[in-house]
Amino acid sequence: MSYSVRIESSDHTFRIDEGESVLDAALRQSIALPYGCRGGGCGACKGQLLEGSISYPNGLPGGISEEDHNNGYALFCQAEATSDLLIKSKEVKAADEIKVKILPCRVHEKVQLNHDVVLIKLLLPKTERLQFFAGQYINFLLKDGKHRSFSLANAPHDDEFIELHIRHVPDGAFTTEVFDEMKEKDMLRIEGPFGNFYLQEESDRPIILMAGGTGFAPVKGMIEHALKVGLERPIHLYWGVRAKEDLYMHELALSWTRQNPLIRYTPVLSDPAEADNWTGRTGFVHTAIMEDYPDLSQYEIYGSGPPVMVYAGKDEFVKNNLDLDHYYSDAFEYQKD
């Protein structure tokens, strides 16, 4: 059984399944209600229940008082619908509406993806979750007062862990520490989320994603978010790397094209090794896009990765009629000590 939920201020409506929380149902359908811990303790998701009825399967959460509950307020991260609902709640429509947090975290998992990229999964305290848009980034806060920035590689619905793809930068003290010394259960501090690099979901333009190296991380989050919410717009991912071994999640990218016919994937190698036996696209990734799309006037492009790639795209795509108001970018400016 499912019910209908309508938000009074925006008139947005979404379906909620039996046994699903109001917050989970909203996020699943790309409606960003505010939240903090997703565990009923912080009260950040509190809103008003104007019509209908809810239940709390585990009893009244600690983040709401009995008085507020009796006055028609609800914690939407725990509330489950038992009828159609009319609610009053804020909606997060832009990155600057998400609260930036400083949080402790623990290294839950460290996996070597290839010769110079590791996947790090961070676990936050049980009472905390990080709300973010797919494509944003966080900062590691270092003991010497400096910080290091890395894009979030997971989608907002999959927020049990924070996923990062970290490339070893030559002479980079922090990334060398990540590769050589960081281990599971290490404690760190992060701050975020930051950035305006995320999908413009109100648009109806076809999407081109241009990733270079670990610029794949934020576009991975974007695609997984698009699959989750059922975004019905064509998406063409171009991933530019040096050689085949640098396509560290090649099979995952291929799997997206099998999940949804609206998704295409074109890897582009700039300097394939002889052993790669590569028969696919070669050269610069922005050039491949221009060859495939001589008229970009109706598209929007998201570019993430090395600055030289991002800025080349900005300079060159206008030659194929791209409106730069629809070019969104995240240039990875690597910080050296």
C-alpha atoms as a PDB file:
ATOM      1  CA  MET A   1       0.000   0.000   0.000  1.00  0.00           C
ATOM      2  CA  SER A   2       1.165   3.545  -0.682  1.00  0.00           C
ATOM      3  CA  TYR A   3      -0.094   7.020   0.156  1.00  0.00           C
ATOM      4  CA  SER A   4       0.192  10.517  -1.269  1.00  0.00           C
ATOM      5  CA  VAL A   5       2.110  13.282   0.511  1.00  0.00           C
ATOM      6  CA  ARG A   6       1.668  16.930  -0.452  1.00  0.00           C
ATOM      7  CA  ILE A   7       3.864  19.806   0.773  1.00  0.00           C
ATOM      8  CA  GLU A   8       1.678  22.818   1.437  1.00  0.00           C
ATOM      9  CA  SER A   9       4.137  25.615   0.571  1.00  0.00           C
ATOM     10  CA  SER A  10       5.295  24.246  -2.799  1.00  0.00           C
ATOM     11  CA  ASP A  11       2.383  21.970  -3.708  1.00  0.00           C
ATOM     12  CA  HIS A  12       4.944  19.246  -4.480  1.00  0.00           C
ATOM     13  CA  THR A  13       3.525  15.769  -4.125  1.00  0.00           C
ATOM     14  CA  PHE A  14       5.178  12.382  -3.807  1.00  0.00           C
ATOM     15  CA  ARG A  15       4.241   8.793  -3.026  1.00  0.00           C
ATOM     16  CA  ILE A  16       5.210   7.068   0.199  1.00  0.00           C
ATOM     17  CA  ASP A  17       5.244   3.288   0.543  1.00  0.00           C
ATOM     18  CA  GLU A  18       4.076   1.423   3.604  1.00  0.00           C
ATOM     19  CA  GLY A  19       6.945   1.112   6.082  1.00  0.00           C
ATOM     20  CA  GLU A  20       8.883   4.005   4.503  1.00  0.00           C
ATOM     21  CA  SER A  21       9.631   7.245   6.320  1.00  0.00           C
ATOM     22  CA  VAL A  22       8.384  10.541   4.902  1.00  0.00           C
ATOM     23  CA  LEU A  23      11.980  11.745   4.512  1.00  0.00           C
ATOM     24  CA  ASP A  24      13.175   8.626   2.709  1.00  0.00           C
ATOM     25  CA  ALA A  25      10.229   8.767   0.317  1.00  0.00           C
ATOM     26  CA  ALA A  26      10.861  12.444  -0.436  1.00  0.00           C
ATOM     27  CA  LEU A  27      14.582  11.976  -1.084  1.00  0.00           C
ATOM     28  CA  ARG A  28      13.892   8.954  -3.265  1.00  0.00           C
ATOM     29  CA  GLN A  29      11.757  11.191  -5.482  1.00  0.00           C
ATOM     30  CA  SER A  30      14.235  14.088  -5.591  1.00  0.00           C
ATOM     31  CA  ILE A  31      12.432  16.285  -3.058  1.00  0.00           C
ATOM     32  CA  ALA A  32      15.063  17.549  -0.638  1.00  0.00           C
ATOM     33  CA  LEU A  33      13.528  17.935   2.787  1.00  0.00           C
ATOM     34  CA  PRO A  34      16.042  19.102   5.434  1.00  0.00           C
ATOM     35  CA  TYR A  35      17.592  16.573   7.803  1.00  0.00           C
ATOM     36  CA  GLY A  36      20.515  16.077  10.134  1.00  0.00           C
ATOM     37  CA  CYS A  37      20.993  12.678  11.723  1.00  0.00           C
ATOM     38  CA  ARG A  38      18.215  10.634  10.047  1.00  0.00           C
ATOM     39  CA  GLY A  39      17.937   8.817  13.365  1.00  0.00           C
ATOM     40  CA  GLY A  40      15.285  10.885  15.154  1.00  0.00           C
ATOM     41  CA  GLY A  41      17.671  12.562  17.582  1.00  0.00           C
ATOM     42  CA  CYS A  42      18.502  16.018  16.231  1.00  0.00           C
ATOM     43  CA  GLY A  43      15.127  17.453  15.224  1.00  0.00           C
ATOM     44  CA  ALA A  44      16.422  19.016  11.976  1.00  0.00           C
ATOM     45  CA  CYS A  45      13.687  17.340   9.921  1.00  0.00           C
ATOM     46  CA  LYS A  46      10.815  18.556  12.111  1.00  0.00           C
ATOM     47  CA  GLY A  47       7.757  19.873  10.290  1.00  0.00           C
ATOM     48  CA  GLN A  48       4.013  20.131  10.685  1.00  0.00           C
ATOM     49  CA  LEU A  49       1.431  17.493   9.952  1.00  0.00           C
ATOM     50  CA  LEU A  50      -1.559  19.487   8.642  1.00  0.00           C
ATOM     51  CA  GLU A  51      -3.737  16.599   7.501  1.00  0.00           C
ATOM     52  CA  GLY A  52      -3.577  12.830   7.770  1.00  0.00           C
ATOM     53  CA  SER A  53      -2.038  10.431  10.256  1.00  0.00           C
ATOM     54  CA  ILE A  54       1.414   9.009  10.928  1.00  0.00           C
ATOM     55  CA  SER A  55       3.011   6.449  13.187  1.00  0.00           C
ATOM     56  CA  TYR A  56       6.420   5.962  14.773  1.00  0.00           C
ATOM     57  CA  PRO A  57       7.166   2.220  14.678  1.00  0.00           C
ATOM     58  CA  ASN A  58       9.878   2.585  17.333  1.00  0.00           C
ATOM     59  CA  GLY A  59       7.990   4.984  19.574  1.00  0.00           C
ATOM     60  CA  LEU A  60       8.204   8.759  19.850  1.00  0.00           C
ATOM     61  CA  PRO A  61      11.741   9.838  18.775  1.00  0.00           C
ATOM     62  CA  GLY A  62      13.954  11.700  21.207  1.00  0.00           C
ATOM     63  CA  GLY A  63      14.219  14.704  18.867  1.00  0.00           C
ATOM     64  CA  ILE A  64      10.614  15.789  19.385  1.00  0.00           C
ATOM     65  CA  SER A  65       8.807  16.619  22.597  1.00  0.00           C
ATOM     66  CA  GLU A  66       5.449  15.205  23.611  1.00  0.00           C
ATOM     67  CA  GLU A  67       4.067  18.754  23.480  1.00  0.00           C
ATOM     68  CA  ASP A  68       5.226  19.318  19.889  1.00  0.00           C
ATOM     69  CA  HIS A  69       3.859  15.929  18.904  1.00  0.00           C
ATOM     70  CA  ASN A  70       0.464  16.800  20.412  1.00  0.00           C
ATOM     71  CA  ASN A  71       0.527  20.156  18.599  1.00  0.00           C
ATOM     72  CA  GLY A  72       0.835  18.497  15.200  1.00  0.00           C
ATOM     73  CA  TYR A  73       4.589  18.476  14.633  1.00  0.00           C
ATOM     74  CA  ALA A  74       6.432  15.422  13.341  1.00  0.00           C
ATOM     75  CA  LEU A  75       9.953  14.177  12.717  1.00  0.00           C
ATOM     76  CA  PHE A  76       9.812  13.183   9.079  1.00  0.00           C
ATOM     77  CA  CYS A  77      12.930  11.010   9.221  1.00  0.00           C
ATOM     78  CA  GLN A  78      11.020   8.578  11.467  1.00  0.00           C
ATOM     79  CA  ALA A  79       7.348   9.227  10.702  1.00  0.00           C
ATOM     80  CA  GLU A  80       5.565   6.692   8.513  1.00  0.00           C
ATOM     81  CA  ALA A  81       2.268   7.486   6.809  1.00  0.00           C
ATOM     82  CA  THR A  82      -0.908   5.656   7.711  1.00  0.00           C
ATOM     83  CA  SER A  83      -3.039   7.796   5.349  1.00  0.00           C
ATOM     84  CA  ASP A  84      -2.583  10.484   2.702  1.00  0.00           C
ATOM     85  CA  LEU A  85      -0.724  13.478   4.189  1.00  0.00           C
ATOM     86  CA  LEU A  86      -0.561  17.240   3.885  1.00  0.00           C
ATOM     87  CA  ILE A  87       2.602  18.535   5.514  1.00  0.00           C
ATOM     88  CA  LYS A  88       4.384  21.816   6.061  1.00  0.00           C
ATOM     89  CA  SER A  89       8.159  21.650   5.684  1.00  0.00           C
ATOM     90  CA  LYS A  90      11.056  23.631   4.288  1.00  0.00           C
ATOM     91  CA  GLU A  91      12.617  22.297   1.102  1.00  0.00           C
ATOM     92  CA  VAL A  92      16.317  22.520   0.321  1.00  0.00           C
ATOM     93  CA  LYS A  93      16.538  23.956  -3.188  1.00  0.00           C
ATOM     94  CA  ALA A  94      20.119  25.228  -3.332  1.00  0.00           C
ATOM     95  CA  ALA A  95      23.471  24.330  -1.832  1.00  0.00           C
ATOM     96  CA  ASP A  96      23.600  27.436   0.341  1.00  0.00           C
ATOM     97  CA  GLU A  97      20.494  26.217   2.161  1.00  0.00           C
ATOM     98  CA  ILE A  98      22.318  23.138   3.477  1.00  0.00           C
ATOM     99  CA  LYS A  99      23.975  23.602   6.837  1.00  0.00           C
ATOM    100  CA  VAL A 100      27.758  23.206   6.718  1.00  0.00           C
ATOM    101  CA  LYS A 101      28.944  20.952   9.543  1.00  0.00           C
ATOM    102  CA  ILE A 102      32.244  20.081  11.177  1.00  0.00           C
ATOM    103  CA  LEU A 103      32.116  16.402  12.087  1.00  0.00           C
ATOM    104  CA  PRO A 104      34.401  13.689  13.407  1.00  0.00           C
ATOM    105  CA  CYS A 105      34.559  10.548  11.307  1.00  0.00           C
ATOM    106  CA  ARG A 106      36.249   7.174  11.250  1.00  0.00           C
ATOM    107  CA  VAL A 107      37.869   5.416   8.297  1.00  0.00           C
ATOM    108  CA  HIS A 108      35.533   2.480   7.718  1.00  0.00           C
ATOM    109  CA  GLU A 109      37.118   1.053   4.581  1.00  0.00           C
ATOM    110  CA  LYS A 110      40.165   1.664   2.406  1.00  0.00           C
ATOM    111  CA  VAL A 111      40.357  -0.050  -0.996  1.00  0.00           C
ATOM    112  CA  GLN A 112      43.077   0.294  -3.639  1.00  0.00           C
ATOM    113  CA  LEU A 113      41.262   0.908  -6.945  1.00  0.00           C
ATOM    114  CA  ASN A 114      44.326   1.036  -9.180  1.00  0.00           C
ATOM    115  CA  HIS A 115      47.982   2.055  -9.033  1.00  0.00           C
ATOM    116  CA  ASP A 116      47.322   5.611  -7.804  1.00  0.00           C
ATOM    117  CA  VAL A 117      43.684   5.847  -6.620  1.00  0.00           C
ATOM    118  CA  VAL A 118      42.173   4.606  -3.363  1.00  0.00           C
ATOM    119  CA  LEU A 119      38.551   4.505  -2.292  1.00  0.00           C
ATOM    120  CA  ILE A 120      37.975   5.723   1.249  1.00  0.00           C
ATOM    121  CA  LYS A 121      34.684   5.211   3.081  1.00  0.00           C
ATOM    122  CA  LEU A 122      34.148   7.382   6.152  1.00  0.00           C
ATOM    123  CA  LEU A 123      31.704   6.575   8.941  1.00  0.00           C
ATOM    124  CA  LEU A 124      30.086   9.438  10.847  1.00  0.00           C
ATOM    125  CA  PRO A 125      28.833   9.202  14.444  1.00  0.00           C
ATOM    126  CA  LYS A 126      25.555   7.311  14.803  1.00  0.00           C
ATOM    127  CA  THR A 127      23.721  10.543  15.615  1.00  0.00           C
ATOM    128  CA  GLU A 128      24.892  12.365  12.474  1.00  0.00           C
ATOM    129  CA  ARG A 129      24.320  12.261   8.720  1.00  0.00           C
ATOM    130  CA  LEU A 130      25.635  14.686   6.113  1.00  0.00           C
ATOM    131  CA  GLN A 131      23.003  16.184   3.845  1.00  0.00           C
ATOM    132  CA  PHE A 132      24.411  17.118   0.437  1.00  0.00           C
ATOM    133  CA  PHE A 133      23.741  17.332  -3.283  1.00  0.00           C
ATOM    134  CA  ALA A 134      25.437  14.772  -5.541  1.00  0.00           C
ATOM    135  CA  GLY A 135      28.620  16.388  -6.859  1.00  0.00           C
ATOM    136  CA  GLN A 136      29.507  18.518  -3.839  1.00  0.00           C
ATOM    137  CA  TYR A 137      32.736  18.167  -1.852  1.00  0.00           C
ATOM    138  CA  ILE A 138      34.046  18.093   1.713  1.00  0.00           C
ATOM    139  CA  ASN A 139      37.228  19.301   3.383  1.00  0.00           C
ATOM    140  CA  PHE A 140      39.501  17.269   5.610  1.00  0.00           C
ATOM    141  CA  LEU A 141      40.554  19.509   8.504  1.00  0.00           C
ATOM    142  CA  LEU A 142      44.223  18.817   9.221  1.00  0.00           C
ATOM    143  CA  LYS A 143      46.034  19.252  12.522  1.00  0.00           C
ATOM    144  CA  ASP A 144      48.209  22.091  11.184  1.00  0.00           C
ATOM    145  CA  GLY A 145      45.135  24.175  10.337  1.00  0.00           C
ATOM    146  CA  LYS A 146      45.248  23.406   6.617  1.00  0.00           C
ATOM    147  CA  HIS A 147      42.545  21.577   4.711  1.00  0.00           C
ATOM    148  CA  ARG A 148      42.285  19.253   1.723  1.00  0.00           C
ATOM    149  CA  SER A 149      39.207  19.068  -0.500  1.00  0.00           C
ATOM    150  CA  PHE A 150      37.716  15.939  -2.086  1.00  0.00           C
ATOM    151  CA  SER A 151      34.494  15.376  -4.016  1.00  0.00           C
ATOM    152  CA  LEU A 152      31.779  13.128  -2.650  1.00  0.00           C
ATOM    153  CA  ALA A 153      31.462  10.006  -4.789  1.00  0.00           C
ATOM    154  CA  ASN A 154      28.192   8.680  -3.363  1.00  0.00           C
ATOM    155  CA  ALA A 155      24.629   9.829  -3.953  1.00  0.00           C
ATOM    156  CA  PRO A 156      22.549  11.557  -1.237  1.00  0.00           C
ATOM    157  CA  HIS A 157      20.221   8.581  -0.731  1.00  0.00           C
ATOM    158  CA  ASP A 158      23.229   6.354  -0.025  1.00  0.00           C
ATOM    159  CA  ASP A 159      24.630   8.315   2.900  1.00  0.00           C
ATOM    160  CA  GLU A 160      25.472   5.607   5.436  1.00  0.00           C
ATOM    161  CA  PHE A 161      29.115   6.223   4.509  1.00  0.00           C
ATOM    162  CA  ILE A 162      30.939   9.101   2.831  1.00  0.00           C
ATOM    163  CA  GLU A 163      32.754   7.793  -0.244  1.00  0.00           C
ATOM    164  CA  LEU A 164      35.847   9.511  -1.643  1.00  0.00           C
ATOM    165  CA  HIS A 165      38.221   8.656  -4.495  1.00  0.00           C
ATOM    166  CA  ILE A 166      41.694   9.962  -3.636  1.00  0.00           C
ATOM    167  CA  ARG A 167      44.533  10.049  -6.148  1.00  0.00           C
ATOM    168  CA  HIS A 168      48.135  10.027  -4.977  1.00  0.00           C
ATOM    169  CA  VAL A 169      49.585  13.417  -5.921  1.00  0.00           C
ATOM    170  CA  PRO A 170      53.406  13.413  -6.249  1.00  0.00           C
ATOM    171  CA  ASP A 171      54.937  15.481  -3.442  1.00  0.00           C
ATOM    172  CA  GLY A 172      51.513  15.764  -1.821  1.00  0.00           C
ATOM    173  CA  ALA A 173      51.994  15.204   1.913  1.00  0.00           C
ATOM    174  CA  PHE A 174      48.337  14.437   2.644  1.00  0.00           C
ATOM    175  CA  THR A 175      47.725  12.026  -0.228  1.00  0.00           C
ATOM    176  CA  THR A 176      51.020  10.285   0.577  1.00  0.00           C
ATOM    177  CA  GLU A 177      49.790   9.886   4.149  1.00  0.00           C
ATOM    178  CA  VAL A 178      46.474   8.504   2.844  1.00  0.00           C
ATOM    179  CA  PHE A 179      48.271   5.914   0.707  1.00  0.00           C
ATOM    180  CA  ASP A 180      51.078   4.933   3.057  1.00  0.00           C
ATOM    181  CA  GLU A 181      49.765   5.434   6.578  1.00  0.00           C
ATOM    182  CA  MET A 182      45.981   5.797   6.748  1.00  0.00           C
ATOM    183  CA  LYS A 183      44.259   2.670   7.977  1.00  0.00           C
ATOM    184  CA  GLU A 184      40.784   1.536   8.903  1.00  0.00           C
ATOM    185  CA  LYS A 185      39.463   2.919  12.222  1.00  0.00           C
ATOM    186  CA  ASP A 186      41.646   6.056  11.992  1.00  0.00           C
ATOM    187  CA  MET A 187      39.831   9.161  13.274  1.00  0.00           C
ATOM    188  CA  LEU A 188      39.596  12.362  11.186  1.00  0.00           C
ATOM    189  CA  ARG A 189      37.627  15.610  11.052  1.00  0.00           C
ATOM    190  CA  ILE A 190      35.708  16.847   8.027  1.00  0.00           C
ATOM    191  CA  GLU A 191      33.738  19.960   7.117  1.00  0.00           C
ATOM    192  CA  GLY A 192      31.060  20.278   4.478  1.00  0.00           C
ATOM    193  CA  PRO A 193      29.297  20.047   2.212  1.00  0.00           C
ATOM    194  CA  PHE A 194      30.585  22.730  -0.161  1.00  0.00           C
ATOM    195  CA  GLY A 195      30.249  23.642  -3.814  1.00  0.00           C
ATOM    196  CA  ASN A 196      27.712  24.486  -6.497  1.00  0.00           C
ATOM    197  CA  PHE A 197      28.562  21.568  -8.767  1.00  0.00           C
ATOM    198  CA  TYR A 198      25.411  19.450  -8.828  1.00  0.00           C
ATOM    199  CA  LEU A 199      22.647  18.480 -11.250  1.00  0.00           C
ATOM    200  CA  GLN A 200      20.209  21.192 -12.253  1.00  0.00           C
ATOM    201  CA  GLU A 201      17.150  19.007 -11.837  1.00  0.00           C
ATOM    202  CA  GLU A 202      14.643  21.636 -12.909  1.00  0.00           C
ATOM    203  CA  SER A 203      16.215  21.724 -16.377  1.00  0.00           C
ATOM    204  CA  ASP A 204      14.968  19.587 -19.258  1.00  0.00           C
ATOM    205  CA  ARG A 205      18.220  19.717 -21.272  1.00  0.00           C
ATOM    206  CA  PRO A 206      20.120  16.551 -22.188  1.00  0.00           C
ATOM    207  CA  ILE A 207      23.186  16.099 -19.974  1.00  0.00           C
ATOM    208  CA  ILE A 208      26.824  15.607 -20.940  1.00  0.00           C
ATOM    209  CA  LEU A 209      29.186  14.669 -18.095  1.00  0.00           C
ATOM    210  CA  MET A 210      32.897  15.233 -18.743  1.00  0.00           C
ATOM    211  CA  ALA A 211      35.171  13.639 -16.150  1.00  0.00           C
ATOM    212  CA  GLY A 212      38.946  13.586 -16.061  1.00  0.00           C
ATOM    213  CA  GLY A 213      40.762  11.151 -13.745  1.00  0.00           C
ATOM    214  CA  THR A 214      39.183  11.203 -10.282  1.00  0.00           C
ATOM    215  CA  GLY A 215      36.741  13.791 -11.602  1.00  0.00           C
ATOM    216  CA  PHE A 216      34.774  10.589 -12.092  1.00  0.00           C
ATOM    217  CA  ALA A 217      33.910  10.680  -8.367  1.00  0.00           C
ATOM    218  CA  PRO A 218      31.313  13.501  -8.367  1.00  0.00           C
ATOM    219  CA  VAL A 219      29.734  12.408 -11.662  1.00  0.00           C
ATOM    220  CA  LYS A 220      29.398   8.896 -10.217  1.00  0.00           C
ATOM    221  CA  GLY A 221      27.284  10.416  -7.450  1.00  0.00           C
ATOM    222  CA  MET A 222      25.261  12.374 -10.011  1.00  0.00           C
ATOM    223  CA  ILE A 223      24.490   9.310 -12.132  1.00  0.00           C
ATOM    224  CA  GLU A 224      23.573   7.169  -9.130  1.00  0.00           C
ATOM    225  CA  HIS A 225      21.281   9.960  -7.948  1.00  0.00           C
ATOM    226  CA  ALA A 226      19.700  10.244 -11.404  1.00  0.00           C
ATOM    227  CA  LEU A 227      19.085   6.483 -11.486  1.00  0.00           C
ATOM    228  CA  LYS A 228      17.560   6.544  -8.011  1.00  0.00           C
ATOM    229  CA  VAL A 229      15.113   9.383  -8.685  1.00  0.00           C
ATOM    230  CA  GLY A 230      14.242   8.207 -12.200  1.00  0.00           C
ATOM    231  CA  LEU A 231      15.547  11.258 -14.047  1.00  0.00           C
ATOM    232  CA  GLU A 232      14.168  11.017 -17.591  1.00  0.00           C
ATOM    233  CA  ARG A 233      16.852  12.924 -19.488  1.00  0.00           C
ATOM    234  CA  PRO A 234      19.601  11.528 -21.717  1.00  0.00           C
ATOM    235  CA  ILE A 235      22.998  11.396 -19.968  1.00  0.00           C
ATOM    236  CA  HIS A 236      26.251  10.883 -21.863  1.00  0.00           C
ATOM    237  CA  LEU A 237      29.301  10.294 -19.681  1.00  0.00           C
ATOM    238  CA  TYR A 238      32.755  10.915 -21.146  1.00  0.00           C
ATOM    239  CA  TRP A 239      35.646   9.797 -18.937  1.00  0.00           C
ATOM    240  CA  GLY A 240      39.078  10.961 -19.996  1.00  0.00           C
ATOM    241  CA  VAL A 241      42.183   9.260 -18.561  1.00  0.00           C
ATOM    242  CA  ARG A 242      45.728   8.468 -19.690  1.00  0.00           C
ATOM    243  CA  ALA A 243      45.644   4.668 -20.047  1.00  0.00           C
ATOM    244  CA  LYS A 244      43.166   1.838 -19.545  1.00  0.00           C
ATOM    245  CA  GLU A 245      44.311   1.090 -15.977  1.00  0.00           C
ATOM    246  CA  ASP A 246      43.175   4.613 -15.012  1.00  0.00           C
ATOM    247  CA  LEU A 247      39.532   3.673 -15.728  1.00  0.00           C
ATOM    248  CA  TYR A 248      39.318   2.420 -12.159  1.00  0.00           C
ATOM    249  CA  MET A 249      35.545   1.835 -12.184  1.00  0.00           C
ATOM    250  CA  HIS A 250      35.100   1.011 -15.857  1.00  0.00           C
ATOM    251  CA  GLU A 251      32.754  -1.940 -15.230  1.00  0.00           C
ATOM    252  CA  LEU A 252      30.524   0.170 -12.982  1.00  0.00           C
ATOM    253  CA  ALA A 253      30.176   2.793 -15.713  1.00  0.00           C
ATOM    254  CA  LEU A 254      29.288   0.084 -18.238  1.00  0.00           C
ATOM    255  CA  SER A 255      26.656  -1.290 -15.842  1.00  0.00           C
ATOM    256  CA  TRP A 256      24.831   2.061 -15.815  1.00  0.00           C
ATOM    257  CA  THR A 257      24.261   1.827 -19.561  1.00  0.00           C
ATOM    258  CA  ARG A 258      22.651  -1.569 -19.035  1.00  0.00           C
ATOM    259  CA  GLN A 259      20.419  -0.253 -16.259  1.00  0.00           C
ATOM    260  CA  ASN A 260      19.030   2.644 -18.252  1.00  0.00           C
ATOM    261  CA  PRO A 261      19.010   3.119 -22.056  1.00  0.00           C
ATOM    262  CA  LEU A 262      19.133   6.894 -21.554  1.00  0.00           C
ATOM    263  CA  ILE A 263      22.716   6.597 -20.250  1.00  0.00           C
ATOM    264  CA  ARG A 264      25.694   6.392 -22.623  1.00  0.00           C
ATOM    265  CA  TYR A 265      29.356   6.010 -21.696  1.00  0.00           C
ATOM    266  CA  THR A 266      32.434   6.894 -23.742  1.00  0.00           C
ATOM    267  CA  PRO A 267      35.894   6.369 -22.210  1.00  0.00           C
ATOM    268  CA  VAL A 268      38.683   8.361 -23.885  1.00  0.00           C
ATOM    269  CA  LEU A 269      42.378   7.532 -23.462  1.00  0.00           C
ATOM    270  CA  SER A 270      44.991  10.207 -24.102  1.00  0.00           C
ATOM    271  CA  ASP A 271      48.021   7.888 -24.043  1.00  0.00           C
ATOM    272  CA  PRO A 272      46.996   4.205 -24.105  1.00  0.00           C
ATOM    273  CA  ALA A 273      49.672   1.640 -23.346  1.00  0.00           C
ATOM    274  CA  GLU A 274      50.577  -0.888 -26.020  1.00  0.00           C
ATOM    275  CA  ALA A 275      49.370  -3.649 -23.722  1.00  0.00           C
ATOM    276  CA  ASP A 276      45.931  -2.004 -23.524  1.00  0.00           C
ATOM    277  CA  ASN A 277      45.077  -3.136 -27.077  1.00  0.00           C
ATOM    278  CA  TRP A 278      42.746  -0.155 -27.054  1.00  0.00           C
ATOM    279  CA  THR A 279      40.337   0.206 -29.967  1.00  0.00           C
ATOM    280  CA  GLY A 280      38.171   2.920 -28.416  1.00  0.00           C
ATOM    281  CA  ARG A 281      38.402   6.706 -28.482  1.00  0.00           C
ATOM    282  CA  THR A 282      41.740   8.446 -27.999  1.00  0.00           C
ATOM    283  CA  GLY A 283      42.897  12.033 -27.593  1.00  0.00           C
ATOM    284  CA  PHE A 284      41.472  14.804 -25.441  1.00  0.00           C
ATOM    285  CA  VAL A 285      38.102  14.156 -23.841  1.00  0.00           C
ATOM    286  CA  HIS A 286      36.675  17.608 -24.665  1.00  0.00           C
ATOM    287  CA  THR A 287      37.619  17.053 -28.319  1.00  0.00           C
ATOM    288  CA  ALA A 288      35.680  13.777 -28.362  1.00  0.00           C
ATOM    289  CA  ILE A 289      32.596  15.611 -27.100  1.00  0.00           C
ATOM    290  CA  MET A 290      32.928  18.262 -29.797  1.00  0.00           C
ATOM    291  CA  GLU A 291      33.304  15.610 -32.483  1.00  0.00           C
ATOM    292  CA  ASP A 292      30.154  13.820 -31.331  1.00  0.00           C
ATOM    293  CA  TYR A 293      28.083  16.959 -30.719  1.00  0.00           C
ATOM    294  CA  PRO A 294      28.681  19.622 -33.390  1.00  0.00           C
ATOM    295  CA  ASP A 295      25.737  21.613 -32.007  1.00  0.00           C
ATOM    296  CA  LEU A 296      25.678  21.932 -28.191  1.00  0.00           C
ATOM    297  CA  SER A 297      23.109  24.709 -28.057  1.00  0.00           C
ATOM    298  CA  GLN A 298      20.449  22.535 -26.397  1.00  0.00           C
ATOM    299  CA  TYR A 299      22.752  20.719 -23.933  1.00  0.00           C
ATOM    300  CA  GLU A 300      24.157  21.276 -20.495  1.00  0.00           C
ATOM    301  CA  ILE A 301      27.664  20.084 -19.666  1.00  0.00           C
ATOM    302  CA  TYR A 302      29.218  19.226 -16.310  1.00  0.00           C
ATOM    303  CA  GLY A 303      33.020  19.107 -16.253  1.00  0.00           C
ATOM    304  CA  SER A 304      35.051  17.805 -13.315  1.00  0.00           C
ATOM    305  CA  GLY A 305      38.723  16.977 -12.997  1.00  0.00           C
ATOM    306  CA  PRO A 306      42.033  18.597 -13.955  1.00  0.00           C
ATOM    307  CA  PRO A 307      41.836  22.379 -14.480  1.00  0.00           C
ATOM    308  CA  VAL A 308      43.393  22.146 -17.952  1.00  0.00           C
ATOM    309  CA  MET A 309      40.498  19.919 -19.062  1.00  0.00           C
ATOM    310  CA  VAL A 310      37.794  21.987 -17.392  1.00  0.00           C
ATOM    311  CA  TYR A 311      39.071  25.286 -18.787  1.00  0.00           C
ATOM    312  CA  ALA A 312      39.676  23.822 -22.248  1.00  0.00           C
ATOM    313  CA  GLY A 313      36.044  22.768 -22.306  1.00  0.00           C
ATOM    314  CA  LYS A 314      34.909  26.249 -21.346  1.00  0.00           C
ATOM    315  CA  ASP A 315      37.031  27.804 -24.090  1.00  0.00           C
ATOM    316  CA  GLU A 316      36.201  25.288 -26.819  1.00  0.00           C
ATOM    317  CA  PHE A 317      32.563  24.281 -26.320  1.00  0.00           C
ATOM    318  CA  VAL A 318      31.344  27.756 -27.284  1.00  0.00           C
ATOM    319  CA  LYS A 319      32.613  26.969 -30.801  1.00  0.00           C
ATOM    320  CA  ASN A 320      29.886  24.303 -30.906  1.00  0.00           C
ATOM    321  CA  ASN A 321      27.260  26.785 -29.676  1.00  0.00           C
ATOM    322  CA  LEU A 322      27.200  25.844 -25.989  1.00  0.00           C
ATOM    323  CA  ASP A 323      25.598  28.547 -23.845  1.00  0.00           C
ATOM    324  CA  LEU A 324      28.096  28.909 -20.998  1.00  0.00           C
ATOM    325  CA  ASP A 325      25.203  29.540 -18.611  1.00  0.00           C
ATOM    326  CA  HIS A 326      24.743  25.779 -18.948  1.00  0.00           C
ATOM    327  CA  TYR A 327      28.374  24.818 -18.328  1.00  0.00           C
ATOM    328  CA  TYR A 328      28.936  23.709 -14.748  1.00  0.00           C
ATOM    329  CA  SER A 329      32.406  22.824 -13.569  1.00  0.00           C
ATOM    330  CA  ASP A 330      34.554  21.637 -10.694  1.00  0.00           C
ATOM    331  CA  ALA A 331      38.265  22.062 -11.396  1.00  0.00           C
ATOM    332  CA  PHE A 332      40.461  19.932  -9.129  1.00  0.00           C
ATOM    333  CA  GLU A 333      43.157  22.359  -8.053  1.00  0.00           C
ATOM    334  CA  TYR A 334      45.574  20.035  -6.246  1.00  0.00           C
ATOM    335  CA  GLN A 335      47.095  21.568  -3.140  1.00  0.00           C
ATOM    336  CA  LYS A 336      50.755  20.945  -2.415  1.00  0.00           C
ATOM    337  CA  ASP A 337      52.593  21.721   0.784  1.00  0.00           C
END
